[in-house]
Amino acid sequence: MGISYFCESDIDLLRQKMADEGDDWNDRVFVAGMSSKGEYALRVMADLAINHDGRFIPLKEIVQKEELSQKYLESIMRMLSKANLIEAASGHGGGYRLKKAPEEYTLWEILELTEGGLAPVACMKNSTITCDRSKQCYTLPIWQGLAELIQEYFQGKTLADIARNVE
């Protein structure tokens, strides 16, 4: 299944429909190489960066503010926590917070964790060339160049950059 020329609200509806049916959106649909997992991870990490004041932010608060699925976000939060990008606390006053200062997180490290990188074409997913025709592919160098630009761009951006956009 591929997507072409859908608006973001259509994509969100499709994501929700597939999730409701138990289908894994991340294995089937890619928009500019990024799945909802990477997008949502950036959104939640940005929220934690914007509210980086030492306190734990309850997941429910993030879910309401960002209008995300709590169940899906829980799995993303576990991934971020296991990778030591965030700290979790349970009970009264619990929630999530960043382990480091926002300027110490590149957007690339978050996307690399959640996406395994961002390949502009399916044959380059997870930073490996999976196409049998790669030796004869005239466009592969173009896609490799674009992949390098994407990586350089996200390596040069931090959560602090996002937080500055809000202030």
Foldseek 3Di string as FASTA:
>chain_A
DEDDDDDPVVVVVVCVVCVVVVHDQLVPYDDQQDDVLLVVLLLLQLVLQLVVPPFADALVNSCVVVVDDSVSVVVSVVLCVVVQQWDFDDDVRTHIHGPDHQQVAFSLVSCCSRQCAGFSDPCCGNNHRNDPCVVVDPCVVVRVVVSVVVNVVRRPHTSVNSSVVVD
